[in-house]
């Protein structure tokens, strides 16, 4: 094999192309790893907030178990669509923790107080409601003018 200038240029271009392809692939791999790390952090955050089932989906994604994630997603969807009790069971701890957070601030306490007053109005018996009854105005037609 004779090394001519064109052969050297071709070998150099192949090397540069291989280096650029490897750099691009490593960049894509880093992006995937960053998404997986973020999914792991999100799973920990959701579990800390009180979610029971959702964090498992993100953990499966973070370790690359996509088939496990798909299976759990189907199971969670089926459970959530089975009725109100399943949704309440999943969100009960979340509600308690969020309520505790709201009660830590003045603005949150005002919001809770307002919502409690609305609930008390809805639950009050009909005779004890504090809302004044609306007055009914009856409008009668004016008599026809005499012709």
N, C-alpha and C. Protein backbone atom coordinates (compact mmCIF):
# COMPACT_ATOMS: atom_id res chain seq x y z
N UNK A 1 0.84 -1.16 0.00
CA UNK A 1 0.00 0.00 0.00
C UNK A 1 0.90 1.24 0.00
N UNK A 2 0.58 2.11 -0.86
CA UNK A 2 1.33 3.34 -1.01
C UNK A 2 0.58 4.44 -0.29
N UNK A 3 1.28 5.16 0.57
CA UNK A 3 0.65 6.26 1.29
C UNK A 3 0.76 7.53 0.46
N UNK A 4 -0.35 7.85 -0.15
CA UNK A 4 -0.39 9.10 -0.90
C UNK A 4 -1.11 10.13 -0.06
N UNK A 5 -1.08 11.34 -0.51
CA UNK A 5 -1.74 12.42 0.23
C UNK A 5 -3.24 12.15 0.36
N UNK A 6 -3.87 11.65 -0.68
CA UNK A 6 -5.32 11.37 -0.62
C UNK A 6 -5.61 10.26 0.38
N UNK A 7 -4.76 9.22 0.48
CA UNK A 7 -4.96 8.15 1.47
C UNK A 7 -4.83 8.69 2.89
N UNK A 8 -3.87 9.55 3.12
CA UNK A 8 -3.67 10.14 4.44
C UNK A 8 -4.87 11.00 4.83
N UNK A 9 -5.38 11.77 3.88
CA UNK A 9 -6.55 12.62 4.14
C UNK A 9 -7.77 11.76 4.45
N UNK A 10 -7.97 10.68 3.72
CA UNK A 10 -9.11 9.79 3.95
C UNK A 10 -9.02 9.16 5.34
N UNK A 11 -7.84 8.69 5.72
CA UNK A 11 -7.66 8.09 7.04
C UNK A 11 -7.91 9.14 8.13
N UNK A 12 -7.42 10.35 7.93
CA UNK A 12 -7.64 11.42 8.90
C UNK A 12 -9.14 11.76 9.01
N UNK A 13 -9.84 11.82 7.87
CA UNK A 13 -11.29 12.11 7.89
C UNK A 13 -12.07 11.00 8.59
N UNK A 14 -11.68 9.75 8.36
CA UNK A 14 -12.34 8.63 9.04
C UNK A 14 -12.13 8.75 10.54
N UNK A 15 -10.92 9.12 10.95
CA UNK A 15 -10.64 9.29 12.38
C UNK A 15 -11.46 10.42 12.98
N UNK A 16 -11.55 11.55 12.28
CA UNK A 16 -12.33 12.68 12.77
C UNK A 16 -13.81 12.30 12.85
N UNK A 17 -14.32 11.61 11.82
CA UNK A 17 -15.74 11.19 11.84
C UNK A 17 -16.01 10.22 12.99
N UNK A 18 -15.10 9.29 13.23
CA UNK A 18 -15.27 8.34 14.33
C UNK A 18 -15.27 9.08 15.67
N UNK A 19 -14.37 10.07 15.81
CA UNK A 19 -14.30 10.84 17.04
C UNK A 19 -15.59 11.64 17.26
N UNK A 20 -16.10 12.29 16.20
CA UNK A 20 -17.34 13.06 16.31
C UNK A 20 -18.53 12.16 16.64
N UNK A 21 -18.59 10.97 16.02
CA UNK A 21 -19.68 10.03 16.30
C UNK A 21 -19.62 9.57 17.76
N UNK A 22 -18.43 9.26 18.24
CA UNK A 22 -18.28 8.82 19.63
C UNK A 22 -18.67 9.95 20.59
N UNK A 23 -18.25 11.16 20.28
CA UNK A 23 -18.60 12.31 21.13
C UNK A 23 -20.11 12.51 21.17
N UNK A 24 -20.79 12.40 20.03
CA UNK A 24 -22.24 12.56 19.97
C UNK A 24 -22.94 11.46 20.76
N UNK A 25 -22.46 10.21 20.62
CA UNK A 25 -23.07 9.10 21.34
C UNK A 25 -22.89 9.24 22.85
N UNK A 26 -21.71 9.68 23.30
CA UNK A 26 -21.50 9.88 24.72
C UNK A 26 -22.37 11.01 25.26
N UNK A 27 -22.58 12.04 24.44
CA UNK A 27 -23.47 13.14 24.85
C UNK A 27 -24.89 12.63 25.02
N UNK A 28 -25.36 11.82 24.08
CA UNK A 28 -26.71 11.26 24.19
C UNK A 28 -26.82 10.36 25.41
N UNK A 29 -25.78 9.59 25.67
CA UNK A 29 -25.79 8.70 26.83
C UNK A 29 -25.85 9.52 28.12
N UNK A 30 -25.13 10.62 28.17
CA UNK A 30 -25.16 11.50 29.34
C UNK A 30 -26.54 12.10 29.53
N UNK A 31 -27.21 12.47 28.44
CA UNK A 31 -28.57 13.02 28.55
C UNK A 31 -29.52 11.97 29.13
N UNK A 32 -29.40 10.74 28.66
CA UNK A 32 -30.26 9.66 29.18
C UNK A 32 -29.97 9.43 30.66
N UNK A 33 -28.71 9.40 31.02
CA UNK A 33 -28.35 9.20 32.43
C UNK A 33 -28.87 10.34 33.29
N UNK A 34 -28.82 11.57 32.80
CA UNK A 34 -29.34 12.70 33.57
C UNK A 34 -30.85 12.60 33.75
N UNK A 35 -31.56 12.15 32.70
CA UNK A 35 -33.01 11.95 32.84
C UNK A 35 -33.30 10.87 33.86
N UNK A 36 -32.51 9.82 33.85
CA UNK A 36 -32.73 8.73 34.81
C UNK A 36 -32.42 9.18 36.23
N UNK A 37 -31.37 9.97 36.40
CA UNK A 37 -31.08 10.50 37.74
C UNK A 37 -32.23 11.38 38.23
N UNK A 38 -32.75 12.21 37.34
CA UNK A 38 -33.87 13.09 37.69
C UNK A 38 -35.10 12.26 38.06
N UNK A 39 -35.33 11.15 37.35
CA UNK A 39 -36.47 10.28 37.67
C UNK A 39 -36.28 9.65 39.05
N UNK A 40 -35.06 9.30 39.40
CA UNK A 40 -34.79 8.75 40.73
C UNK A 40 -35.05 9.78 41.82
N UNK A 41 -34.61 11.03 41.57
CA UNK A 41 -34.87 12.10 42.55
C UNK A 41 -36.36 12.38 42.67
N UNK A 42 -37.06 12.35 41.53
CA UNK A 42 -38.51 12.57 41.56
C UNK A 42 -39.21 11.46 42.34
N UNK A 43 -38.77 10.23 42.14
CA UNK A 43 -39.37 9.10 42.88
C UNK A 43 -39.18 9.29 44.38
N UNK A 44 -37.99 9.71 44.79
CA UNK A 44 -37.74 9.93 46.23
C UNK A 44 -38.62 11.06 46.75
N UNK A 45 -38.77 12.11 45.96
CA UNK A 45 -39.60 13.25 46.36
C UNK A 45 -41.06 12.83 46.49
N UNK A 46 -41.55 12.08 45.52
CA UNK A 46 -42.95 11.63 45.56
C UNK A 46 -43.20 10.73 46.77
N UNK A 47 -42.25 9.83 47.05
CA UNK A 47 -42.41 8.94 48.20
C UNK A 47 -42.41 9.75 49.50
N UNK A 48 -41.56 10.78 49.57
CA UNK A 48 -41.51 11.64 50.74
C UNK A 48 -42.82 12.40 50.92
N UNK A 49 -43.46 12.77 49.80
CA UNK A 49 -44.74 13.48 49.87
C UNK A 49 -45.90 12.58 50.27
N UNK A 50 -45.69 11.25 50.20
CA UNK A 50 -46.73 10.34 50.63
C UNK A 50 -47.31 9.45 49.55
N UNK A 51 -46.85 9.62 48.31
CA UNK A 51 -47.34 8.74 47.25
C UNK A 51 -46.83 7.32 47.49
N UNK A 52 -47.65 6.35 47.15
CA UNK A 52 -47.27 4.95 47.39
C UNK A 52 -46.90 4.23 46.11
N UNK A 53 -47.68 4.39 45.06
CA UNK A 53 -47.51 3.60 43.84
C UNK A 53 -46.69 4.32 42.77
N UNK A 54 -46.88 5.62 42.61
CA UNK A 54 -46.20 6.36 41.54
C UNK A 54 -44.68 6.32 41.61
N UNK A 55 -44.07 6.39 42.79
CA UNK A 55 -42.60 6.38 42.82
C UNK A 55 -41.99 5.13 42.18
N UNK A 56 -42.67 4.00 42.30
CA UNK A 56 -42.14 2.76 41.72
C UNK A 56 -41.98 2.86 40.21
N UNK A 57 -42.87 3.59 39.55
CA UNK A 57 -42.76 3.78 38.10
C UNK A 57 -41.47 4.51 37.76
N UNK A 58 -41.18 5.57 38.49
CA UNK A 58 -40.00 6.36 38.21
C UNK A 58 -38.71 5.63 38.58
N UNK A 59 -38.77 4.80 39.61
CA UNK A 59 -37.60 4.00 39.98
C UNK A 59 -37.30 2.99 38.87
N UNK A 60 -38.34 2.35 38.36
CA UNK A 60 -38.13 1.42 37.25
C UNK A 60 -37.51 2.11 36.05
N UNK A 61 -37.98 3.31 35.73
CA UNK A 61 -37.39 4.06 34.62
C UNK A 61 -35.94 4.41 34.91
N UNK A 62 -35.67 4.81 36.14
CA UNK A 62 -34.31 5.26 36.48
C UNK A 62 -33.29 4.14 36.38
N UNK A 63 -33.69 2.90 36.59
CA UNK A 63 -32.75 1.79 36.47
C UNK A 63 -32.83 1.13 35.10
N UNK A 64 -33.69 1.64 34.23
CA UNK A 64 -33.77 1.11 32.87
C UNK A 64 -34.70 -0.07 32.70
N UNK A 65 -35.54 -0.34 33.70
CA UNK A 65 -36.48 -1.47 33.62
C UNK A 65 -37.78 -0.98 32.98
N UNK A 66 -37.74 -0.80 31.66
CA UNK A 66 -38.90 -0.24 30.96
C UNK A 66 -40.08 -1.20 30.93
N UNK A 67 -39.81 -2.51 30.85
CA UNK A 67 -40.92 -3.46 30.84
C UNK A 67 -41.60 -3.49 32.21
N UNK A 68 -40.82 -3.41 33.29
CA UNK A 68 -41.40 -3.33 34.63
C UNK A 68 -42.20 -2.06 34.82
N UNK A 69 -41.68 -0.97 34.26
CA UNK A 69 -42.38 0.30 34.34
C UNK A 69 -43.72 0.23 33.61
N UNK A 70 -43.70 -0.36 32.41
CA UNK A 70 -44.94 -0.47 31.63
C UNK A 70 -45.96 -1.33 32.37
N UNK A 71 -45.51 -2.42 32.97
CA UNK A 71 -46.42 -3.29 33.71
C UNK A 71 -47.02 -2.55 34.91
N UNK A 72 -46.17 -1.84 35.66
CA UNK A 72 -46.67 -1.10 36.84
C UNK A 72 -47.58 0.05 36.43
N UNK A 73 -47.27 0.68 35.31
CA UNK A 73 -48.13 1.76 34.82
C UNK A 73 -49.52 1.22 34.53
N UNK A 74 -49.59 0.06 33.88
CA UNK A 74 -50.89 -0.56 33.61
C UNK A 74 -51.62 -0.92 34.90
N UNK A 75 -50.89 -1.45 35.86
CA UNK A 75 -51.51 -1.83 37.14
C UNK A 75 -52.02 -0.60 37.89
N UNK A 76 -51.24 0.48 37.90
CA UNK A 76 -51.66 1.71 38.57
C UNK A 76 -52.87 2.31 37.87
N UNK A 77 -52.85 2.33 36.55
CA UNK A 77 -53.98 2.88 35.79
C UNK A 77 -55.24 2.08 36.07
N UNK A 78 -55.12 0.77 36.06
CA UNK A 78 -56.28 -0.08 36.33
C UNK A 78 -56.80 0.15 37.75
N UNK A 79 -55.89 0.27 38.70
CA UNK A 79 -56.29 0.49 40.09
C UNK A 79 -56.98 1.84 40.25
N UNK A 80 -56.43 2.88 39.63
CA UNK A 80 -57.01 4.21 39.74
C UNK A 80 -58.37 4.30 39.07
N UNK A 81 -58.57 3.54 38.02
CA UNK A 81 -59.86 3.57 37.32
C UNK A 81 -60.88 2.66 37.98
N UNK A 82 -60.46 1.89 38.99
CA UNK A 82 -61.39 0.96 39.64
C UNK A 82 -62.35 1.67 40.59
N UNK A 83 -62.06 2.90 40.95
CA UNK A 83 -63.01 3.61 41.80
C UNK A 83 -62.35 4.63 42.69
N UNK A 84 -63.21 5.34 43.38
CA UNK A 84 -62.77 6.44 44.23
C UNK A 84 -61.89 5.98 45.39
N UNK A 85 -62.19 4.81 45.93
CA UNK A 85 -61.46 4.33 47.11
C UNK A 85 -59.97 4.15 46.80
N UNK A 86 -59.65 3.67 45.63
CA UNK A 86 -58.24 3.47 45.26
C UNK A 86 -57.51 4.80 45.14
N UNK A 87 -58.17 5.78 44.57
CA UNK A 87 -57.56 7.11 44.42
C UNK A 87 -57.37 7.74 45.80
N UNK A 88 -58.37 7.62 46.65
CA UNK A 88 -58.27 8.17 48.00
C UNK A 88 -57.16 7.47 48.78
N UNK A 89 -57.05 6.15 48.63
CA UNK A 89 -55.99 5.43 49.33
C UNK A 89 -54.61 5.91 48.88
N UNK A 90 -54.45 6.20 47.59
CA UNK A 90 -53.16 6.68 47.08
C UNK A 90 -52.86 8.09 47.56
N UNK A 91 -53.88 8.94 47.65
CA UNK A 91 -53.65 10.35 47.93
C UNK A 91 -53.88 10.75 49.39
N UNK A 92 -54.29 9.83 50.23
CA UNK A 92 -54.61 10.18 51.62
C UNK A 92 -53.40 10.75 52.36
N UNK A 93 -52.26 10.06 52.31
CA UNK A 93 -51.07 10.56 53.00
C UNK A 93 -50.59 11.88 52.39
N UNK A 94 -50.74 12.00 51.06
CA UNK A 94 -50.34 13.23 50.38
C UNK A 94 -51.18 14.39 50.89
N UNK A 95 -52.48 14.17 51.02
CA UNK A 95 -53.38 15.22 51.52
C UNK A 95 -52.97 15.67 52.92
N UNK A 96 -52.71 14.72 53.80
CA UNK A 96 -52.35 15.05 55.18
C UNK A 96 -51.05 15.86 55.21
N UNK A 97 -50.06 15.45 54.41
CA UNK A 97 -48.78 16.17 54.41
C UNK A 97 -48.94 17.57 53.82
N UNK A 98 -49.72 17.71 52.74
CA UNK A 98 -49.93 19.02 52.16
C UNK A 98 -50.72 19.93 53.10
N UNK A 99 -51.68 19.37 53.79
CA UNK A 99 -52.44 20.15 54.76
C UNK A 99 -51.53 20.64 55.88
N UNK A 100 -50.63 19.78 56.34
CA UNK A 100 -49.67 20.17 57.37
C UNK A 100 -48.79 21.31 56.88
N UNK A 101 -48.35 21.23 55.63
CA UNK A 101 -47.52 22.30 55.05
C UNK A 101 -48.32 23.60 54.97
N UNK A 102 -49.58 23.50 54.53
CA UNK A 102 -50.41 24.70 54.42
C UNK A 102 -50.61 25.35 55.78
N UNK A 103 -50.78 24.55 56.81
CA UNK A 103 -51.04 25.09 58.15
C UNK A 103 -49.80 25.75 58.76
N UNK A 104 -48.65 25.60 58.13
CA UNK A 104 -47.43 26.22 58.64
C UNK A 104 -47.31 27.70 58.28
N UNK A 105 -48.13 28.18 57.34
CA UNK A 105 -48.03 29.58 56.93
C UNK A 105 -49.36 30.30 57.19
N UNK A 106 -49.27 31.62 57.35
CA UNK A 106 -50.48 32.41 57.57
C UNK A 106 -51.42 32.32 56.37
N UNK A 107 -50.86 32.44 55.19
CA UNK A 107 -51.67 32.36 53.97
C UNK A 107 -52.37 31.00 53.87
N UNK A 108 -51.64 29.94 54.19
CA UNK A 108 -52.22 28.61 54.15
C UNK A 108 -53.33 28.43 55.18
N UNK A 109 -53.11 28.98 56.39
CA UNK A 109 -54.16 28.89 57.41
C UNK A 109 -55.41 29.64 56.99
N UNK A 110 -55.24 30.83 56.34
CA UNK A 110 -56.41 31.57 55.85
C UNK A 110 -57.15 30.75 54.81
N UNK A 111 -56.41 30.12 53.92
CA UNK A 111 -57.04 29.30 52.88
C UNK A 111 -57.83 28.15 53.51
N UNK A 112 -57.23 27.46 54.46
CA UNK A 112 -57.90 26.34 55.13
C UNK A 112 -59.13 26.83 55.87
N UNK A 113 -59.01 27.98 56.55
CA UNK A 113 -60.15 28.54 57.29
C UNK A 113 -61.30 28.87 56.34
N UNK A 114 -60.98 29.46 55.19
CA UNK A 114 -62.00 29.80 54.20
C UNK A 114 -62.69 28.54 53.68
N UNK A 115 -61.90 27.53 53.38
CA UNK A 115 -62.47 26.28 52.86
C UNK A 115 -63.33 25.60 53.92
N UNK A 116 -62.90 25.64 55.18
CA UNK A 116 -63.71 25.05 56.25
C UNK A 116 -65.04 25.79 56.41
N UNK A 117 -65.03 27.10 56.27
CA UNK A 117 -66.27 27.88 56.36
C UNK A 117 -67.20 27.48 55.21
N UNK A 118 -66.66 27.28 54.01
CA UNK A 118 -67.49 26.84 52.88
C UNK A 118 -68.10 25.47 53.15
N UNK A 119 -67.31 24.58 53.72
CA UNK A 119 -67.82 23.24 54.03
C UNK A 119 -68.89 23.32 55.10
N UNK A 120 -68.69 24.14 56.12
CA UNK A 120 -69.68 24.28 57.19
C UNK A 120 -71.00 24.81 56.63
N UNK A 121 -70.93 25.74 55.67
CA UNK A 121 -72.16 26.25 55.05
C UNK A 121 -72.89 25.13 54.32
N UNK A 122 -72.12 24.30 53.63
CA UNK A 122 -72.75 23.20 52.89
C UNK A 122 -73.37 22.16 53.81
N UNK A 123 -72.76 21.96 54.97
CA UNK A 123 -73.23 20.93 55.88
C UNK A 123 -74.28 21.41 56.87
N UNK A 124 -74.48 22.72 56.98
CA UNK A 124 -75.44 23.27 57.94
C UNK A 124 -76.85 22.87 57.52
N UNK A 125 -77.71 22.52 58.51
CA UNK A 125 -79.10 22.22 58.17
C UNK A 125 -79.78 23.44 57.54
N UNK A 126 -80.82 23.20 56.79
CA UNK A 126 -81.48 24.26 56.02
C UNK A 126 -81.94 25.41 56.91
N UNK A 127 -82.41 25.16 58.12
CA UNK A 127 -82.92 26.21 59.00
C UNK A 127 -81.82 27.04 59.63
N UNK A 128 -80.59 26.54 59.66
CA UNK A 128 -79.50 27.23 60.34
C UNK A 128 -78.58 27.98 59.40
N UNK A 129 -78.88 27.99 58.13
CA UNK A 129 -77.99 28.67 57.19
C UNK A 129 -77.98 30.16 57.49
N UNK A 130 -76.82 30.73 57.41
CA UNK A 130 -76.67 32.14 57.73
C UNK A 130 -76.92 33.03 56.52
N UNK A 131 -77.11 32.46 55.37
CA UNK A 131 -77.34 33.24 54.17
C UNK A 131 -78.78 33.73 54.20
N UNK A 132 -78.98 35.01 54.02
CA UNK A 132 -80.32 35.57 54.04
C UNK A 132 -81.08 35.08 52.81
N UNK A 133 -82.35 34.70 53.00
CA UNK A 133 -83.12 34.24 51.84
C UNK A 133 -83.35 35.40 50.88
N UNK A 134 -83.37 35.08 49.62
CA UNK A 134 -83.58 36.12 48.63
C UNK A 134 -85.06 36.48 48.58
N UNK A 135 -85.34 37.78 48.40
CA UNK A 135 -86.72 38.22 48.31
C UNK A 135 -87.20 38.03 46.88
N UNK A 136 -88.43 37.63 46.77
CA UNK A 136 -89.02 37.43 45.45
C UNK A 136 -89.85 38.66 45.11
N UNK A 137 -89.61 39.21 43.97
CA UNK A 137 -90.35 40.38 43.52
C UNK A 137 -91.27 39.92 42.40
N UNK A 138 -92.57 40.20 42.57
CA UNK A 138 -93.54 39.83 41.55
C UNK A 138 -93.89 41.09 40.77
N UNK A 139 -93.71 41.01 39.47
CA UNK A 139 -94.01 42.16 38.62
C UNK A 139 -95.30 41.84 37.89
N UNK A 140 -96.29 42.72 38.08
CA UNK A 140 -97.56 42.53 37.38
C UNK A 140 -97.63 43.50 36.19
N UNK A 141 -98.26 43.06 35.16
CA UNK A 141 -98.35 43.97 34.00
C UNK A 141 -99.22 45.18 34.33
N UNK A 142 -98.86 46.27 33.77
CA UNK A 142 -99.62 47.51 33.98
C UNK A 142 -100.95 47.39 33.24
N UNK A 143 -102.01 48.02 33.79
CA UNK A 143 -103.32 47.94 33.10
C UNK A 143 -103.24 48.63 31.73
N UNK A 144 -103.97 48.11 30.82
CA UNK A 144 -103.96 48.68 29.46
C UNK A 144 -104.65 50.04 29.49
N UNK A 145 -104.12 51.02 28.76
CA UNK A 145 -104.74 52.34 28.76
C UNK A 145 -106.13 52.27 28.09
N UNK A 146 -107.03 53.10 28.57
CA UNK A 146 -108.39 53.13 28.01
C UNK A 146 -108.35 53.90 26.71
N UNK A 147 -109.02 53.39 25.74
CA UNK A 147 -109.07 54.09 24.45
C UNK A 147 -110.42 54.63 24.13
